[in-house]
Amino acid sequence: MSTGLLYALSVVVVVALVSVLGVYLLAVAQGLKAIVSSLAEVTFGARAVERQLRATPENLRQVNAGLIDAATLLPELADELDRRSGRSTRDSAPEGGDRVDDLNGNTPDRDRADAVEVQPAG
């Protein structure tokens, strides 16, 4: 083989290699553009959620204050209702607390793993 032919074949191989790499680079760039678009939407959504949650601590303080007020007033109301109705809602109170019934007379399960404990504001 002549040297000129080897040079020509080398140039063809290099051009083919650069072309293939260029095509794959363009494919990667298109994939990255799609990812950037998705990330922009996620960022926008996260900022919207952040704005919505800014008021949450103050709202929770207000809810906790209302629950504390209810916790102090409801036992007195229960005692008054007991006096008026002649029955006691505290007959079978669990140890360490008062018996709490819902409107249907069902006692909530205090040992459930998914029960939520409300902490007083402080």
PDB file of N, CA and C in Angstrom:
ATOM      1  N   MET A   1       0.820  -1.177   0.000  1.00  0.00           N
ATOM      2  CA  MET A   1       0.000   0.000   0.000  1.00  0.00           C
ATOM      3  C   MET A   1       0.867   1.244   0.000  1.00  0.00           C
ATOM      4  N   SER A   2       0.356   2.203  -0.705  1.00  0.00           N
ATOM      5  CA  SER A   2       1.124   3.436  -0.794  1.00  0.00           C
ATOM      6  C   SER A   2       0.819   4.327   0.406  1.00  0.00           C
ATOM      7  N   THR A   3       1.712   5.224   0.656  1.00  0.00           N
ATOM      8  CA  THR A   3       1.543   6.136   1.787  1.00  0.00           C
ATOM      9  C   THR A   3       0.354   7.068   1.573  1.00  0.00           C
ATOM     10  N   GLY A   4       0.114   7.468   0.389  1.00  0.00           N
ATOM     11  CA  GLY A   4      -1.021   8.359   0.110  1.00  0.00           C
ATOM     12  C   GLY A   4      -2.344   7.693   0.419  1.00  0.00           C
ATOM     13  N   LEU A   5      -2.424   6.388   0.078  1.00  0.00           N
ATOM     14  CA  LEU A   5      -3.651   5.644   0.374  1.00  0.00           C
ATOM     15  C   LEU A   5      -3.846   5.499   1.874  1.00  0.00           C
ATOM     16  N   LEU A   6      -2.760   5.250   2.591  1.00  0.00           N
ATOM     17  CA  LEU A   6      -2.859   5.147   4.056  1.00  0.00           C
ATOM     18  C   LEU A   6      -3.286   6.481   4.667  1.00  0.00           C
ATOM     19  N   TYR A   7      -2.744   7.576   4.150  1.00  0.00           N
ATOM     20  CA  TYR A   7      -3.171   8.899   4.645  1.00  0.00           C
ATOM     21  C   TYR A   7      -4.659   9.121   4.384  1.00  0.00           C
ATOM     22  N   ALA A   8      -5.103   8.775   3.197  1.00  0.00           N
ATOM     23  CA  ALA A   8      -6.510   8.962   2.833  1.00  0.00           C
ATOM     24  C   ALA A   8      -7.424   8.116   3.715  1.00  0.00           C
ATOM     25  N   LEU A   9      -7.045   6.842   3.927  1.00  0.00           N
ATOM     26  CA  LEU A   9      -7.847   5.972   4.799  1.00  0.00           C
ATOM     27  C   LEU A   9      -7.853   6.497   6.238  1.00  0.00           C
ATOM     28  N   SER A  10      -6.740   6.995   6.713  1.00  0.00           N
ATOM     29  CA  SER A  10      -6.674   7.556   8.070  1.00  0.00           C
ATOM     30  C   SER A  10      -7.596   8.761   8.202  1.00  0.00           C
ATOM     31  N   VAL A  11      -7.609   9.614   7.188  1.00  0.00           N
ATOM     32  CA  VAL A  11      -8.475  10.792   7.214  1.00  0.00           C
ATOM     33  C   VAL A  11      -9.939  10.356   7.204  1.00  0.00           C
ATOM     34  N   VAL A  12     -10.287   9.356   6.387  1.00  0.00           N
ATOM     35  CA  VAL A  12     -11.666   8.858   6.328  1.00  0.00           C
ATOM     36  C   VAL A  12     -12.077   8.288   7.686  1.00  0.00           C
ATOM     37  N   VAL A  13     -11.215   7.532   8.316  1.00  0.00           N
ATOM     38  CA  VAL A  13     -11.530   6.943   9.629  1.00  0.00           C
ATOM     39  C   VAL A  13     -11.710   8.046  10.674  1.00  0.00           C
ATOM     40  N   VAL A  14     -10.828   9.032  10.674  1.00  0.00           N
ATOM     41  CA  VAL A  14     -10.935  10.127  11.645  1.00  0.00           C
ATOM     42  C   VAL A  14     -12.223  10.905  11.420  1.00  0.00           C
ATOM     43  N   VAL A  15     -12.556  11.193  10.165  1.00  0.00           N
ATOM     44  CA  VAL A  15     -13.796  11.912   9.855  1.00  0.00           C
ATOM     45  C   VAL A  15     -15.009  11.085  10.293  1.00  0.00           C
ATOM     46  N   ALA A  16     -14.990   9.780  10.050  1.00  0.00           N
ATOM     47  CA  ALA A  16     -16.094   8.909  10.461  1.00  0.00           C
ATOM     48  C   ALA A  16     -16.233   8.895  11.987  1.00  0.00           C
ATOM     49  N   LEU A  17     -15.104   8.801  12.682  1.00  0.00           N
ATOM     50  CA  LEU A  17     -15.122   8.789  14.145  1.00  0.00           C
ATOM     51  C   LEU A  17     -15.673  10.104  14.690  1.00  0.00           C
ATOM     52  N   VAL A  18     -15.203  11.218  14.155  1.00  0.00           N
ATOM     53  CA  VAL A  18     -15.685  12.527  14.607  1.00  0.00           C
ATOM     54  C   VAL A  18     -17.168  12.678  14.288  1.00  0.00           C
ATOM     55  N   SER A  19     -17.597  12.183  13.134  1.00  0.00           N
ATOM     56  CA  SER A  19     -19.021  12.270  12.764  1.00  0.00           C
ATOM     57  C   SER A  19     -19.897  11.462  13.719  1.00  0.00           C
ATOM     58  N   VAL A  20     -19.473  10.250  14.019  1.00  0.00           N
ATOM     59  CA  VAL A  20     -20.245   9.398  14.946  1.00  0.00           C
ATOM     60  C   VAL A  20     -20.288  10.040  16.329  1.00  0.00           C
ATOM     61  N   LEU A  21     -19.165  10.546  16.794  1.00  0.00           N
ATOM     62  CA  LEU A  21     -19.143  11.209  18.097  1.00  0.00           C
ATOM     63  C   LEU A  21     -20.031  12.449  18.096  1.00  0.00           C
ATOM     64  N   GLY A  22     -20.040  13.185  16.990  1.00  0.00           N
ATOM     65  CA  GLY A  22     -20.897  14.366  16.883  1.00  0.00           C
ATOM     66  C   GLY A  22     -22.371  14.007  16.942  1.00  0.00           C
ATOM     67  N   VAL A  23     -22.755  12.930  16.256  1.00  0.00           N
ATOM     68  CA  VAL A  23     -24.158  12.489  16.282  1.00  0.00           C
ATOM     69  C   VAL A  23     -24.553  12.105  17.703  1.00  0.00           C
ATOM     70  N   TYR A  24     -23.720  11.339  18.392  1.00  0.00           N
ATOM     71  CA  TYR A  24     -24.040  10.953  19.768  1.00  0.00           C
ATOM     72  C   TYR A  24     -24.053  12.159  20.707  1.00  0.00           C
ATOM     73  N   LEU A  25     -23.179  13.100  20.466  1.00  0.00           N
ATOM     74  CA  LEU A  25     -23.159  14.317  21.280  1.00  0.00           C
ATOM     75  C   LEU A  25     -24.449  15.111  21.103  1.00  0.00           C
ATOM     76  N   LEU A  26     -24.949  15.185  19.858  1.00  0.00           N
ATOM     77  CA  LEU A  26     -26.227  15.858  19.617  1.00  0.00           C
ATOM     78  C   LEU A  26     -27.378  15.118  20.308  1.00  0.00           C
ATOM     79  N   ALA A  27     -27.343  13.795  20.294  1.00  0.00           N
ATOM     80  CA  ALA A  27     -28.385  13.009  20.962  1.00  0.00           C
ATOM     81  C   ALA A  27     -28.352  13.259  22.472  1.00  0.00           C
ATOM     82  N   VAL A  28     -27.168  13.312  23.049  1.00  0.00           N
ATOM     83  CA  VAL A  28     -27.036  13.601  24.480  1.00  0.00           C
ATOM     84  C   VAL A  28     -27.531  15.007  24.787  1.00  0.00           C
ATOM     85  N   ALA A  29     -27.235  15.957  23.918  1.00  0.00           N
ATOM     86  CA  ALA A  29     -27.681  17.340  24.120  1.00  0.00           C
ATOM     87  C   ALA A  29     -29.206  17.423  24.109  1.00  0.00           C
ATOM     88  N   GLN A  30     -29.862  16.685  23.204  1.00  0.00           N
ATOM     89  CA  GLN A  30     -31.328  16.679  23.168  1.00  0.00           C
ATOM     90  C   GLN A  30     -31.898  16.102  24.467  1.00  0.00           C
ATOM     91  N   GLY A  31     -31.285  15.026  24.950  1.00  0.00           N
ATOM     92  CA  GLY A  31     -31.724  14.436  26.226  1.00  0.00           C
ATOM     93  C   GLY A  31     -31.561  15.408  27.378  1.00  0.00           C
ATOM     94  N   LEU A  32     -30.452  16.127  27.389  1.00  0.00           N
ATOM     95  CA  LEU A  32     -30.209  17.110  28.453  1.00  0.00           C
ATOM     96  C   LEU A  32     -31.197  18.276  28.373  1.00  0.00           C
ATOM     97  N   LYS A  33     -31.594  18.670  27.165  1.00  0.00           N
ATOM     98  CA  LYS A  33     -32.589  19.742  27.032  1.00  0.00           C
ATOM     99  C   LYS A  33     -33.922  19.310  27.642  1.00  0.00           C
ATOM    100  N   ALA A  34     -34.299  18.054  27.412  1.00  0.00           N
ATOM    101  CA  ALA A  34     -35.546  17.537  27.995  1.00  0.00           C
ATOM    102  C   ALA A  34     -35.451  17.515  29.524  1.00  0.00           C
ATOM    103  N   ILE A  35     -34.296  17.130  30.034  1.00  0.00           N
ATOM    104  CA  ILE A  35     -34.096  17.089  31.486  1.00  0.00           C
ATOM    105  C   ILE A  35     -34.154  18.500  32.066  1.00  0.00           C
ATOM    106  N   VAL A  36     -33.533  19.451  31.396  1.00  0.00           N
ATOM    107  CA  VAL A  36     -33.554  20.842  31.863  1.00  0.00           C
ATOM    108  C   VAL A  36     -34.981  21.357  31.922  1.00  0.00           C
ATOM    109  N   SER A  37     -35.770  21.033  30.906  1.00  0.00           N
ATOM    110  CA  SER A  37     -37.170  21.463  30.891  1.00  0.00           C
ATOM    111  C   SER A  37     -37.929  20.862  32.064  1.00  0.00           C
ATOM    112  N   SER A  38     -37.725  19.573  32.333  1.00  0.00           N
ATOM    113  CA  SER A  38     -38.396  18.921  33.466  1.00  0.00           C
ATOM    114  C   SER A  38     -37.946  19.526  34.790  1.00  0.00           C
ATOM    115  N   LEU A  39     -36.657  19.774  34.929  1.00  0.00           N
ATOM    116  CA  LEU A  39     -36.142  20.363  36.164  1.00  0.00           C
ATOM    117  C   LEU A  39     -36.680  21.768  36.382  1.00  0.00           C
ATOM    118  N   ALA A  40     -36.880  22.515  35.315  1.00  0.00           N
ATOM    119  CA  ALA A  40     -37.455  23.857  35.449  1.00  0.00           C
ATOM    120  C   ALA A  40     -38.874  23.770  35.992  1.00  0.00           C
ATOM    121  N   GLU A  41     -39.654  22.794  35.512  1.00  0.00           N
ATOM    122  CA  GLU A  41     -41.012  22.615  36.018  1.00  0.00           C
ATOM    123  C   GLU A  41     -41.008  22.187  37.480  1.00  0.00           C
ATOM    124  N   VAL A  42     -40.099  21.284  37.831  1.00  0.00           N
ATOM    125  CA  VAL A  42     -39.995  20.834  39.218  1.00  0.00           C
ATOM    126  C   VAL A  42     -39.603  21.997  40.128  1.00  0.00           C
ATOM    127  N   THR A  43     -38.659  22.807  39.687  1.00  0.00           N
ATOM    128  CA  THR A  43     -38.236  23.968  40.469  1.00  0.00           C
ATOM    129  C   THR A  43     -39.388  24.937  40.670  1.00  0.00           C
ATOM    130  N   PHE A  44     -40.150  25.185  39.612  1.00  0.00           N
ATOM    131  CA  PHE A  44     -41.311  26.074  39.712  1.00  0.00           C
ATOM    132  C   PHE A  44     -42.311  25.521  40.714  1.00  0.00           C
ATOM    133  N   GLY A  45     -42.577  24.218  40.646  1.00  0.00           N
ATOM    134  CA  GLY A  45     -43.516  23.593  41.583  1.00  0.00           C
ATOM    135  C   GLY A  45     -43.013  23.647  43.013  1.00  0.00           C
ATOM    136  N   ALA A  46     -41.726  23.407  43.204  1.00  0.00           N
ATOM    137  CA  ALA A  46     -41.158  23.448  44.557  1.00  0.00           C
ATOM    138  C   ALA A  46     -41.249  24.852  45.142  1.00  0.00           C
ATOM    139  N   ARG A  47     -41.034  25.861  44.324  1.00  0.00           N
ATOM    140  CA  ARG A  47     -41.157  27.240  44.815  1.00  0.00           C
ATOM    141  C   ARG A  47     -42.600  27.560  45.176  1.00  0.00           C
ATOM    142  N   ALA A  48     -43.537  27.063  44.385  1.00  0.00           N
ATOM    143  CA  ALA A  48     -44.952  27.295  44.695  1.00  0.00           C
ATOM    144  C   ALA A  48     -45.328  26.626  46.018  1.00  0.00           C
ATOM    145  N   VAL A  49     -44.852  25.413  46.225  1.00  0.00           N
ATOM    146  CA  VAL A  49     -45.125  24.712  47.486  1.00  0.00           C
ATOM    147  C   VAL A  49     -44.490  25.460  48.647  1.00  0.00           C
ATOM    148  N   GLU A  50     -43.279  25.935  48.451  1.00  0.00           N
ATOM    149  CA  GLU A  50     -42.596  26.690  49.508  1.00  0.00           C
ATOM    150  C   GLU A  50     -43.403  27.933  49.892  1.00  0.00           C
ATOM    151  N   ARG A  51     -43.914  28.649  48.886  1.00  0.00           N
ATOM    152  CA  ARG A  51     -44.719  29.841  49.175  1.00  0.00           C
ATOM    153  C   ARG A  51     -45.986  29.477  49.935  1.00  0.00           C
ATOM    154  N   GLN A  52     -46.605  28.365  49.559  1.00  0.00           N
ATOM    155  CA  GLN A  52     -47.835  27.949  50.225  1.00  0.00           C
ATOM    156  C   GLN A  52     -47.570  27.540  51.672  1.00  0.00           C
ATOM    157  N   LEU A  53     -46.399  26.970  51.924  1.00  0.00           N
ATOM    158  CA  LEU A  53     -46.088  26.463  53.265  1.00  0.00           C
ATOM    159  C   LEU A  53     -45.520  27.523  54.206  1.00  0.00           C
ATOM    160  N   ARG A  54     -45.273  28.715  53.715  1.00  0.00           N
ATOM    161  CA  ARG A  54     -44.736  29.763  54.591  1.00  0.00           C
ATOM    162  C   ARG A  54     -45.682  30.077  55.731  1.00  0.00           C
ATOM    163  N   ALA A  55     -46.980  29.989  55.480  1.00  0.00           N
ATOM    164  CA  ALA A  55     -47.967  30.322  56.507  1.00  0.00           C
ATOM    165  C   ALA A  55     -48.230  29.159  57.460  1.00  0.00           C
ATOM    166  N   THR A  56     -47.717  27.977  57.169  1.00  0.00           N
ATOM    167  CA  THR A  56     -48.033  26.796  57.964  1.00  0.00           C
ATOM    168  C   THR A  56     -47.649  26.930  59.438  1.00  0.00           C
ATOM    169  N   PRO A  57     -46.455  27.383  59.811  1.00  0.00           N
ATOM    170  CA  PRO A  57     -46.139  27.458  61.241  1.00  0.00           C
ATOM    171  C   PRO A  57     -47.119  28.335  62.018  1.00  0.00           C
ATOM    172  N   GLU A  58     -47.478  29.480  61.462  1.00  0.00           N
ATOM    173  CA  GLU A  58     -48.422  30.353  62.161  1.00  0.00           C
ATOM    174  C   GLU A  58     -49.798  29.699  62.239  1.00  0.00           C
ATOM    175  N   ASN A  59     -50.218  29.052  61.155  1.00  0.00           N
ATOM    176  CA  ASN A  59     -51.513  28.371  61.175  1.00  0.00           C
ATOM    177  C   ASN A  59     -51.527  27.251  62.200  1.00  0.00           C
ATOM    178  N   LEU A  60     -50.417  26.512  62.301  1.00  0.00           N
ATOM    179  CA  LEU A  60     -50.346  25.437  63.294  1.00  0.00           C
ATOM    180  C   LEU A  60     -50.397  25.990  64.716  1.00  0.00           C
ATOM    181  N   ARG A  61     -49.776  27.134  64.928  1.00  0.00           N
ATOM    182  CA  ARG A  61     -49.849  27.740  66.261  1.00  0.00           C
ATOM    183  C   ARG A  61     -51.293  28.101  66.604  1.00  0.00           C
ATOM    184  N   GLN A  62     -52.020  28.634  65.630  1.00  0.00           N
ATOM    185  CA  GLN A  62     -53.415  28.988  65.868  1.00  0.00           C
ATOM    186  C   GLN A  62     -54.260  27.743  66.116  1.00  0.00           C
ATOM    187  N   VAL A  63     -54.034  26.685  65.335  1.00  0.00           N
ATOM    188  CA  VAL A  63     -54.783  25.443  65.535  1.00  0.00           C
ATOM    189  C   VAL A  63     -54.463  24.858  66.905  1.00  0.00           C
ATOM    190  N   ASN A  64     -53.185  24.839  67.273  1.00  0.00           N
ATOM    191  CA  ASN A  64     -52.801  24.301  68.582  1.00  0.00           C
ATOM    192  C   ASN A  64     -53.408  25.119  69.714  1.00  0.00           C
ATOM    193  N   ALA A  65     -53.444  26.439  69.560  1.00  0.00           N
ATOM    194  CA  ALA A  65     -54.070  27.276  70.595  1.00  0.00           C
ATOM    195  C   ALA A  65     -55.545  26.938  70.720  1.00  0.00           C
ATOM    196  N   GLY A  66     -56.215  26.738  69.586  1.00  0.00           N
ATOM    197  CA  GLY A  66     -57.629  26.352  69.630  1.00  0.00           C
ATOM    198  C   GLY A  66     -57.821  24.993  70.264  1.00  0.00           C
ATOM    199  N   LEU A  67     -56.928  24.054  69.980  1.00  0.00           N
ATOM    200  CA  LEU A  67     -57.039  22.723  70.584  1.00  0.00           C
ATOM    201  C   LEU A  67     -56.782  22.771  72.088  1.00  0.00           C
ATOM    202  N   ILE A  68     -55.852  23.608  72.498  1.00  0.00           N
ATOM    203  CA  ILE A  68     -55.592  23.750  73.938  1.00  0.00           C
ATOM    204  C   ILE A  68     -56.818  24.343  74.624  1.00  0.00           C
ATOM    205  N   ASP A  69     -57.432  25.355  73.994  1.00  0.00           N
ATOM    206  CA  ASP A  69     -58.661  25.926  74.557  1.00  0.00           C
ATOM    207  C   ASP A  69     -59.751  24.867  74.650  1.00  0.00           C
ATOM    208  N   ALA A  70     -59.899  24.068  73.596  1.00  0.00           N
ATOM    209  CA  ALA A  70     -60.918  23.016  73.606  1.00  0.00           C
ATOM    210  C   ALA A  70     -60.608  21.992  74.687  1.00  0.00           C
ATOM    211  N   ALA A  71     -59.342  21.651  74.848  1.00  0.00           N
ATOM    212  CA  ALA A  71     -58.963  20.658  75.865  1.00  0.00           C
ATOM    213  C   ALA A  71     -59.260  21.156  77.272  1.00  0.00           C
ATOM    214  N   THR A  72     -59.203  22.452  77.480  1.00  0.00           N
ATOM    215  CA  THR A  72     -59.513  22.965  78.818  1.00  0.00           C
ATOM    216  C   THR A  72     -61.013  23.119  79.022  1.00  0.00           C
ATOM    217  N   LEU A  73     -61.751  23.427  77.966  1.00  0.00           N
ATOM    218  CA  LEU A  73     -63.187  23.657  78.108  1.00  0.00           C
ATOM    219  C   LEU A  73     -64.023  22.384  78.039  1.00  0.00           C
ATOM    220  N   LEU A  74     -63.601  21.407  77.267  1.00  0.00           N
ATOM    221  CA  LEU A  74     -64.417  20.208  77.066  1.00  0.00           C
ATOM    222  C   LEU A  74     -64.626  19.391  78.342  1.00  0.00           C
ATOM    223  N   PRO A  75     -63.628  19.214  79.211  1.00  0.00           N
ATOM    224  CA  PRO A  75     -63.918  18.480  80.453  1.00  0.00           C
ATOM    225  C   PRO A  75     -64.993  19.169  81.298  1.00  0.00           C
ATOM    226  N   GLU A  76     -64.953  20.502  81.349  1.00  0.00           N
ATOM    227  CA  GLU A  76     -65.987  21.220  82.100  1.00  0.00           C
ATOM    228  C   GLU A  76     -67.349  21.015  81.454  1.00  0.00           C
ATOM    229  N   LEU A  77     -67.402  21.047  80.143  1.00  0.00           N
ATOM    230  CA  LEU A  77     -68.653  20.821  79.428  1.00  0.00           C
ATOM    231  C   LEU A  77     -69.151  19.404  79.652  1.00  0.00           C
ATOM    232  N   ALA A  78     -68.238  18.430  79.651  1.00  0.00           N
ATOM    233  CA  ALA A  78     -68.626  17.040  79.902  1.00  0.00           C
ATOM    234  C   ALA A  78     -69.197  16.887  81.298  1.00  0.00           C
ATOM    235  N   ASP A  79     -68.582  17.543  82.285  1.00  0.00           N
ATOM    236  CA  ASP A  79     -69.106  17.483  83.652  1.00  0.00           C
ATOM    237  C   ASP A  79     -70.511  18.084  83.727  1.00  0.00           C
ATOM    238  N   GLU A  80     -70.692  19.206  83.041  1.00  0.00           N
ATOM    239  CA  GLU A  80     -72.016  19.844  83.032  1.00  0.00           C
ATOM    240  C   GLU A  80     -73.042  18.932  82.363  1.00  0.00           C
ATOM    241  N   LEU A  81     -72.681  18.307  81.255  1.00  0.00           N
ATOM    242  CA  LEU A  81     -73.598  17.385  80.590  1.00  0.00           C
ATOM    243  C   LEU A  81     -73.881  16.164  81.446  1.00  0.00           C
ATOM    244  N   ASP A  82     -72.883  15.693  82.188  1.00  0.00           N
ATOM    245  CA  ASP A  82     -73.096  14.573  83.105  1.00  0.00           C
ATOM    246  C   ASP A  82     -74.122  14.946  84.172  1.00  0.00           C
ATOM    247  N   ARG A  83     -73.980  16.153  84.710  1.00  0.00           N
ATOM    248  CA  ARG A  83     -74.935  16.585  85.735  1.00  0.00           C
ATOM    249  C   ARG A  83     -76.348  16.680  85.169  1.00  0.00           C
ATOM    250  N   ARG A  84     -76.467  17.196  83.970  1.00  0.00           N
ATOM    251  CA  ARG A  84     -77.793  17.359  83.375  1.00  0.00           C
ATOM    252  C   ARG A  84     -78.411  16.036  82.940  1.00  0.00           C
ATOM    253  N   SER A  85     -77.593  15.122  82.414  1.00  0.00           N
ATOM    254  CA  SER A  85     -78.143  13.867  81.898  1.00  0.00           C
ATOM    255  C   SER A  85     -78.233  12.786  82.962  1.00  0.00           C
ATOM    256  N   GLY A  86     -77.485  12.924  84.027  1.00  0.00           N
ATOM    257  CA  GLY A  86     -77.508  11.923  85.075  1.00  0.00           C
ATOM    258  C   GLY A  86     -76.618  10.726  84.796  1.00  0.00           C
ATOM    259  N   ARG A  87     -75.836  10.754  83.751  1.00  0.00           N
ATOM    260  CA  ARG A  87     -74.896   9.661  83.475  1.00  0.00           C
ATOM    261  C   ARG A  87     -73.474  10.215  83.456  1.00  0.00           C
ATOM    262  N   SER A  88     -72.511   9.333  83.557  1.00  0.00           N
ATOM    263  CA  SER A  88     -71.125   9.782  83.597  1.00  0.00           C
ATOM    264  C   SER A  88     -70.385   9.327  82.345  1.00  0.00           C
ATOM    265  N   THR A  89     -69.678  10.237  81.729  1.00  0.00           N
ATOM    266  CA  THR A  89     -68.840   9.877  80.578  1.00  0.00           C
ATOM    267  C   THR A  89     -67.457   9.445  81.040  1.00  0.00           C
ATOM    268  N   ARG A  90     -67.202   9.511  82.325  1.00  0.00           N
ATOM    269  CA  ARG A  90     -65.877   9.172  82.858  1.00  0.00           C
ATOM    270  C   ARG A  90     -65.872   7.828  83.577  1.00  0.00           C
ATOM    271  N   ASP A  91     -66.905   7.002  83.383  1.00  0.00           N
ATOM    272  CA  ASP A  91     -67.011   5.729  84.107  1.00  0.00           C
ATOM    273  C   ASP A  91     -65.845   4.792  83.838  1.00  0.00           C
ATOM    274  N   SER A  92     -65.517   4.581  82.587  1.00  0.00           N
ATOM    275  CA  SER A  92     -64.468   3.614  82.268  1.00  0.00           C
ATOM    276  C   SER A  92     -63.274   4.308  81.631  1.00  0.00           C
ATOM    277  N   ALA A  93     -62.789   5.313  82.324  1.00  0.00           N
ATOM    278  CA  ALA A  93     -61.647   6.073  81.801  1.00  0.00           C
ATOM    279  C   ALA A  93     -60.393   5.218  81.852  1.00  0.00           C
ATOM    280  N   PRO A  94     -59.559   5.251  80.800  1.00  0.00           N
ATOM    281  CA  PRO A  94     -58.288   4.543  80.851  1.00  0.00           C
ATOM    282  C   PRO A  94     -57.373   5.161  81.906  1.00  0.00           C
ATOM    283  N   GLU A  95     -56.442   4.359  82.362  1.00  0.00           N
ATOM    284  CA  GLU A  95     -55.540   4.837  83.401  1.00  0.00           C
ATOM    285  C   GLU A  95     -54.730   6.026  82.894  1.00  0.00           C
ATOM    286  N   GLY A  96     -54.707   7.088  83.658  1.00  0.00           N
ATOM    287  CA  GLY A  96     -53.925   8.254  83.298  1.00  0.00           C
ATOM    288  C   GLY A  96     -54.668   9.246  82.438  1.00  0.00           C
ATOM    289  N   GLY A  97     -55.963   9.039  82.202  1.00  0.00           N
ATOM    290  CA  GLY A  97     -56.675  10.000  81.371  1.00  0.00           C
ATOM    291  C   GLY A  97     -58.168   9.792  81.427  1.00  0.00           C
ATOM    292  N   ASP A  98     -58.891  10.697  80.821  1.00  0.00           N
ATOM    293  CA  ASP A  98     -60.336  10.616  80.767  1.00  0.00           C
ATOM    294  C   ASP A  98     -60.763   9.793  79.567  1.00  0.00           C
ATOM    295  N   ARG A  99     -61.925   9.176  79.674  1.00  0.00           N
ATOM    296  CA  ARG A  99     -62.478   8.438  78.554  1.00  0.00           C
ATOM    297  C   ARG A  99     -63.017   9.443  77.541  1.00  0.00           C
ATOM    298  N   VAL A 100     -62.682   9.224  76.293  1.00  0.00           N
ATOM    299  CA  VAL A 100     -63.129  10.125  75.244  1.00  0.00           C
ATOM    300  C   VAL A 100     -63.952   9.307  74.265  1.00  0.00           C
ATOM    301  N   ASP A 101     -65.195   9.691  74.037  1.00  0.00           N
ATOM    302  CA  ASP A 101     -66.070   9.009  73.089  1.00  0.00           C
ATOM    303  C   ASP A 101     -66.378   9.939  71.936  1.00  0.00           C
ATOM    304  N   ASP A 102     -66.594   9.357  70.761  1.00  0.00           N
ATOM    305  CA  ASP A 102     -67.087  10.190  69.671  1.00  0.00           C
ATOM    306  C   ASP A 102     -68.605  10.255  69.767  1.00  0.00           C
ATOM    307  N   LEU A 103     -69.250  10.867  68.818  1.00  0.00           N
ATOM    308  CA  LEU A 103     -70.697  11.047  68.887  1.00  0.00           C
ATOM    309  C   LEU A 103     -71.456   9.732  68.848  1.00  0.00           C
ATOM    310  N   ASN A 104     -70.849   8.670  68.326  1.00  0.00           N
ATOM    311  CA  ASN A 104     -71.508   7.366  68.262  1.00  0.00           C
ATOM    312  C   ASN A 104     -71.205   6.508  69.486  1.00  0.00           C
ATOM    313  N   GLY A 105     -70.446   7.033  70.434  1.00  0.00           N
ATOM    314  CA  GLY A 105     -70.114   6.276  71.629  1.00  0.00           C
ATOM    315  C   GLY A 105     -68.892   5.403  71.469  1.00  0.00           C
ATOM    316  N   ASN A 106     -68.152   5.555  70.388  1.00  0.00           N
ATOM    317  CA  ASN A 106     -66.950   4.756  70.158  1.00  0.00           C
ATOM    318  C   ASN A 106     -65.754   5.421  70.808  1.00  0.00           C
ATOM    319  N   THR A 107     -64.954   4.623  71.488  1.00  0.00           N
ATOM    320  CA  THR A 107     -63.732   5.131  72.092  1.00  0.00           C
ATOM    321  C   THR A 107     -62.603   4.977  71.093  1.00  0.00           C
ATOM    322  N   PRO A 108     -61.858   6.046  70.804  1.00  0.00           N
ATOM    323  CA  PRO A 108     -60.758   5.926  69.841  1.00  0.00           C
ATOM    324  C   PRO A 108     -59.659   5.004  70.350  1.00  0.00           C
ATOM    325  N   ASP A 109     -58.980   4.363  69.423  1.00  0.00           N
ATOM    326  CA  ASP A 109     -57.884   3.466  69.765  1.00  0.00           C
ATOM    327  C   ASP A 109     -56.638   4.294  70.008  1.00  0.00           C
ATOM    328  N   ARG A 110     -56.208   4.398  71.254  1.00  0.00           N
ATOM    329  CA  ARG A 110     -55.068   5.246  71.601  1.00  0.00           C
ATOM    330  C   ARG A 110     -53.724   4.590  71.303  1.00  0.00           C
ATOM    331  N   ASP A 111     -53.716   3.289  71.008  1.00  0.00           N
ATOM    332  CA  ASP A 111     -52.453   2.596  70.792  1.00  0.00           C
ATOM    333  C   ASP A 111     -52.135   2.387  69.318  1.00  0.00           C
ATOM    334  N   ARG A 112     -52.895   3.006  68.432  1.00  0.00           N
ATOM    335  CA  ARG A 112     -52.650   2.833  67.007  1.00  0.00           C
ATOM    336  C   ARG A 112     -51.322   3.463  66.631  1.00  0.00           C
ATOM    337  N   ALA A 113     -50.617   2.806  65.719  1.00  0.00           N
ATOM    338  CA  ALA A 113     -49.307   3.325  65.294  1.00  0.00           C
ATOM    339  C   ALA A 113     -49.430   4.581  64.451  1.00  0.00           C
ATOM    340  N   ASP A 114     -50.577   4.756  63.782  1.00  0.00           N
ATOM    341  CA  ASP A 114     -50.720   5.915  62.913  1.00  0.00           C
ATOM    342  C   ASP A 114     -51.403   7.084  63.604  1.00  0.00           C
ATOM    343  N   ALA A 115     -51.619   6.979  64.904  1.00  0.00           N
ATOM    344  CA  ALA A 115     -52.257   8.078  65.638  1.00  0.00           C
ATOM    345  C   ALA A 115     -51.310   9.282  65.674  1.00  0.00           C
ATOM    346  N   VAL A 116     -51.870  10.456  65.585  1.00  0.00           N
ATOM    347  CA  VAL A 116     -51.082  11.695  65.578  1.00  0.00           C
ATOM    348  C   VAL A 116     -51.197  12.362  66.927  1.00  0.00           C
ATOM    349  N   GLU A 117     -50.070  12.697  67.503  1.00  0.00           N
ATOM    350  CA  GLU A 117     -50.075  13.357  68.789  1.00  0.00           C
ATOM    351  C   GLU A 117     -49.917  14.857  68.580  1.00  0.00           C
ATOM    352  N   VAL A 118     -50.789  15.638  69.173  1.00  0.00           N
ATOM    353  CA  VAL A 118     -50.758  17.096  69.018  1.00  0.00           C
ATOM    354  C   VAL A 118     -49.954  17.674  70.163  1.00  0.00           C
ATOM    355  N   GLN A 119     -48.965  18.458  69.802  1.00  0.00           N
ATOM    356  CA  GLN A 119     -48.098  19.097  70.792  1.00  0.00           C
ATOM    357  C   GLN A 119     -48.577  20.513  71.041  1.00  0.00           C
ATOM    358  N   PRO A 120     -48.603  20.988  72.277  1.00  0.00           N
ATOM    359  CA  PRO A 120     -48.989  22.375  72.508  1.00  0.00           C
ATOM    360  C   PRO A 120     -47.968  23.341  71.917  1.00  0.00           C
ATOM    361  N   ALA A 121     -48.458  24.490  71.492  1.00  0.00           N
ATOM    362  CA  ALA A 121     -47.554  25.499  70.919  1.00  0.00           C
ATOM    363  C   ALA A 121     -46.623  26.015  71.998  1.00  0.00           C
ATOM    364  N   GLY A 122     -45.426  26.271  71.609  1.00  0.00           N
ATOM    365  CA  GLY A 122     -44.535  26.765  72.643  1.00  0.00           C
ATOM    366  C   GLY A 122     -43.265  27.209  72.126  1.00  0.00           C
TER     367      GLY A 122
END
